[in-house]
């Protein structure tokens, strides 16, 4: 009788605390696919820059509206959350040799003012690094698509450096 009680006890708590299968769908994945297709079709610099800035803002708004998804380190949540920040597209800005920043408005909302300065005159190249599901040997940090903006504009570089200093002060 004791063995049966122990097995029932283990079965009951095993079912209660088992991990979620994670078979939900991420709301960002279809949006990201559509955005990537539109980004690839767009040839003009100003339109690409507008697409990038609008996507950064829309992804930030999505995680502001769904804060339970944004906190990956919250270990009180049981099971797999189907949509996380790692589903979103990563955006970066390179402004010199070996100098670059990740544009994340959740961590650094002051970048939104700087993004208003992005134009086709000061952003000279936009590079897309697309993640494919068959890329199984990539590390977890790069298992998502990314867009990198490149600038050589002196005025924009000064504004970037000033923004970085302001972030370090606060």
Protein backbone atom coordinates (compact mmCIF):
# COMPACT_ATOMS: atom_id res chain seq x y z
CA UNK A 1 0.00 0.00 0.00
CA UNK A 2 2.86 2.35 0.81
CA UNK A 3 4.42 1.75 -2.61
CA UNK A 4 1.15 2.57 -4.37
CA UNK A 5 0.78 5.77 -2.32
CA UNK A 6 4.34 6.79 -3.14
CA UNK A 7 3.82 6.17 -6.85
CA UNK A 8 0.58 8.15 -6.85
CA UNK A 9 2.31 10.96 -4.98
CA UNK A 10 5.18 11.08 -7.50
CA UNK A 11 2.79 10.85 -10.46
CA UNK A 12 0.57 13.64 -9.12
CA UNK A 13 3.43 16.07 -8.43
CA UNK A 14 5.22 15.04 -11.61
CA UNK A 15 2.16 16.09 -13.62
CA UNK A 16 1.71 19.33 -11.67
CA UNK A 17 5.29 20.52 -12.03
CA UNK A 18 6.15 19.10 -15.42
CA UNK A 19 7.32 21.57 -18.00
CA UNK A 20 4.99 22.89 -20.63
CA UNK A 21 5.56 21.37 -24.04
CA UNK A 22 6.05 24.84 -25.52
CA UNK A 23 3.92 24.13 -28.57
CA UNK A 24 2.46 27.61 -28.65
CA UNK A 25 3.21 29.91 -31.52
CA UNK A 26 5.11 33.14 -31.26
CA UNK A 27 3.18 36.18 -32.41
CA UNK A 28 6.41 37.77 -33.66
CA UNK A 29 7.45 34.99 -36.05
CA UNK A 30 4.85 35.68 -38.78
CA UNK A 31 5.41 39.43 -38.38
CA UNK A 32 9.16 38.95 -38.67
CA UNK A 33 8.80 36.80 -41.80
CA UNK A 34 6.57 39.40 -43.43
CA UNK A 35 8.91 42.21 -42.38
CA UNK A 36 11.98 40.38 -43.73
CA UNK A 37 10.23 39.79 -47.06
CA UNK A 38 9.30 43.46 -47.31
CA UNK A 39 12.85 44.48 -46.29
CA UNK A 40 14.37 42.31 -49.04
CA UNK A 41 12.04 43.79 -51.68
CA UNK A 42 12.87 47.37 -50.73
CA UNK A 43 15.79 48.84 -52.67
CA UNK A 44 15.76 52.49 -51.66
CA UNK A 45 17.82 53.60 -48.65
CA UNK A 46 15.28 55.96 -47.06
CA UNK A 47 12.55 53.33 -47.21
CA UNK A 48 14.82 50.69 -45.66
CA UNK A 49 15.78 53.07 -42.86
CA UNK A 50 12.10 53.78 -42.19
CA UNK A 51 11.37 50.03 -42.15
CA UNK A 52 14.18 49.46 -39.64
CA UNK A 53 13.20 52.27 -37.28
CA UNK A 54 9.51 51.31 -37.41
CA UNK A 55 10.36 47.65 -36.68
CA UNK A 56 12.52 48.57 -33.69
CA UNK A 57 9.71 50.67 -32.23
CA UNK A 58 7.01 48.06 -32.95
CA UNK A 59 9.03 45.24 -31.34
CA UNK A 60 9.63 47.41 -28.28
CA UNK A 61 5.92 48.22 -28.08
CA UNK A 62 5.09 44.51 -28.31
CA UNK A 63 7.24 43.67 -25.28
CA UNK A 64 5.96 46.68 -23.34
CA UNK A 65 2.40 45.44 -23.91
CA UNK A 66 3.38 41.87 -22.95
CA UNK A 67 5.76 42.23 -19.98
CA UNK A 68 5.42 38.58 -18.96
CA UNK A 69 7.14 37.64 -22.23
CA UNK A 70 9.91 40.20 -21.96
CA UNK A 71 11.37 38.83 -18.70
CA UNK A 72 13.31 35.72 -19.69
CA UNK A 73 15.08 35.46 -16.35
CA UNK A 74 11.87 35.15 -14.32
CA UNK A 75 12.18 31.60 -12.99
CA UNK A 76 8.76 31.71 -11.35
CA UNK A 77 7.19 31.03 -14.75
CA UNK A 78 6.74 27.30 -15.30
CA UNK A 79 7.03 25.84 -18.75
CA UNK A 80 8.27 27.22 -22.00
CA UNK A 81 6.99 30.57 -23.13
CA UNK A 82 6.56 30.24 -26.90
CA UNK A 83 7.52 33.85 -27.67
CA UNK A 84 10.49 35.59 -26.08
CA UNK A 85 12.81 38.49 -26.82
CA UNK A 86 14.99 36.00 -28.68
CA UNK A 87 12.24 35.76 -31.33
CA UNK A 88 12.67 39.40 -32.25
CA UNK A 89 15.12 40.69 -34.83
CA UNK A 90 18.33 42.14 -33.40
CA UNK A 91 19.40 45.59 -34.62
CA UNK A 92 22.89 47.02 -34.42
CA UNK A 93 24.70 50.19 -35.41
CA UNK A 94 28.38 50.22 -36.38
CA UNK A 95 29.91 53.70 -36.21
CA UNK A 96 33.63 53.05 -36.53
CA UNK A 97 36.28 50.40 -36.71
CA UNK A 98 35.45 47.88 -33.95
CA UNK A 99 32.82 50.27 -32.53
CA UNK A 100 29.18 49.34 -32.49
CA UNK A 101 26.09 49.20 -30.32
CA UNK A 102 22.95 47.10 -30.16
CA UNK A 103 19.83 49.18 -30.57
CA UNK A 104 17.42 47.99 -27.88
CA UNK A 105 14.83 50.54 -26.83
CA UNK A 106 13.77 48.48 -23.83
CA UNK A 107 17.20 48.71 -22.25
CA UNK A 108 18.06 52.14 -23.65
CA UNK A 109 14.93 54.20 -24.45
CA UNK A 110 17.10 57.27 -25.13
CA UNK A 111 18.14 55.66 -28.44
CA UNK A 112 14.72 56.56 -29.82
CA UNK A 113 15.77 60.22 -30.12
CA UNK A 114 18.96 59.17 -31.90
CA UNK A 115 17.03 56.94 -34.32
CA UNK A 116 15.19 60.03 -35.55
CA UNK A 117 18.56 61.19 -36.91
CA UNK A 118 18.97 58.17 -39.21
CA UNK A 119 18.79 59.21 -42.86
CA UNK A 120 20.06 57.86 -46.15
CA UNK A 121 22.79 60.54 -46.04
CA UNK A 122 24.32 59.35 -42.76
CA UNK A 123 23.59 55.60 -42.96
CA UNK A 124 25.71 54.38 -45.86
CA UNK A 125 25.02 50.64 -45.66
CA UNK A 126 22.40 48.29 -44.22
CA UNK A 127 23.24 44.60 -43.90
CA UNK A 128 20.82 41.76 -43.22
CA UNK A 129 21.99 38.60 -41.46
CA UNK A 130 19.08 36.22 -41.78
CA UNK A 131 18.68 33.21 -39.52
CA UNK A 132 17.51 29.99 -41.11
CA UNK A 133 16.05 27.05 -39.17
CA UNK A 134 18.66 24.77 -40.72
CA UNK A 135 21.48 26.72 -39.01
CA UNK A 136 21.74 24.20 -36.18
CA UNK A 137 25.38 24.83 -35.33
CA UNK A 138 25.05 28.50 -34.48
CA UNK A 139 25.30 29.56 -30.86
CA UNK A 140 22.18 30.69 -29.05
CA UNK A 141 23.30 34.33 -29.22
CA UNK A 142 23.16 34.40 -33.01
CA UNK A 143 20.17 32.12 -33.61
CA UNK A 144 18.05 35.01 -34.79
CA UNK A 145 18.06 37.41 -37.68
CA UNK A 146 19.82 40.72 -37.41
CA UNK A 147 20.12 44.02 -39.22
CA UNK A 148 23.28 46.10 -39.01
CA UNK A 149 23.38 49.77 -39.91
CA UNK A 150 26.74 51.30 -40.84
CA UNK A 151 27.65 54.97 -40.63
CA UNK A 152 30.73 57.08 -41.34
CA UNK A 153 28.99 60.42 -40.74
CA UNK A 154 30.95 62.55 -38.26
CA UNK A 155 27.90 64.34 -36.86
CA UNK A 156 26.04 61.09 -36.23
CA UNK A 157 29.16 59.56 -34.64
CA UNK A 158 29.35 62.51 -32.23
CA UNK A 159 25.69 62.07 -31.30
CA UNK A 160 26.21 58.34 -30.75
CA UNK A 161 29.23 58.93 -28.51
CA UNK A 162 27.30 61.60 -26.58
CA UNK A 163 24.37 59.19 -26.11
CA UNK A 164 26.74 56.47 -24.86
CA UNK A 165 28.28 58.89 -22.34
CA UNK A 166 24.83 59.96 -21.17
CA UNK A 167 23.85 56.30 -20.70
CA UNK A 168 27.01 55.67 -18.66
CA UNK A 169 26.21 58.60 -16.38
CA UNK A 170 22.69 57.40 -15.61
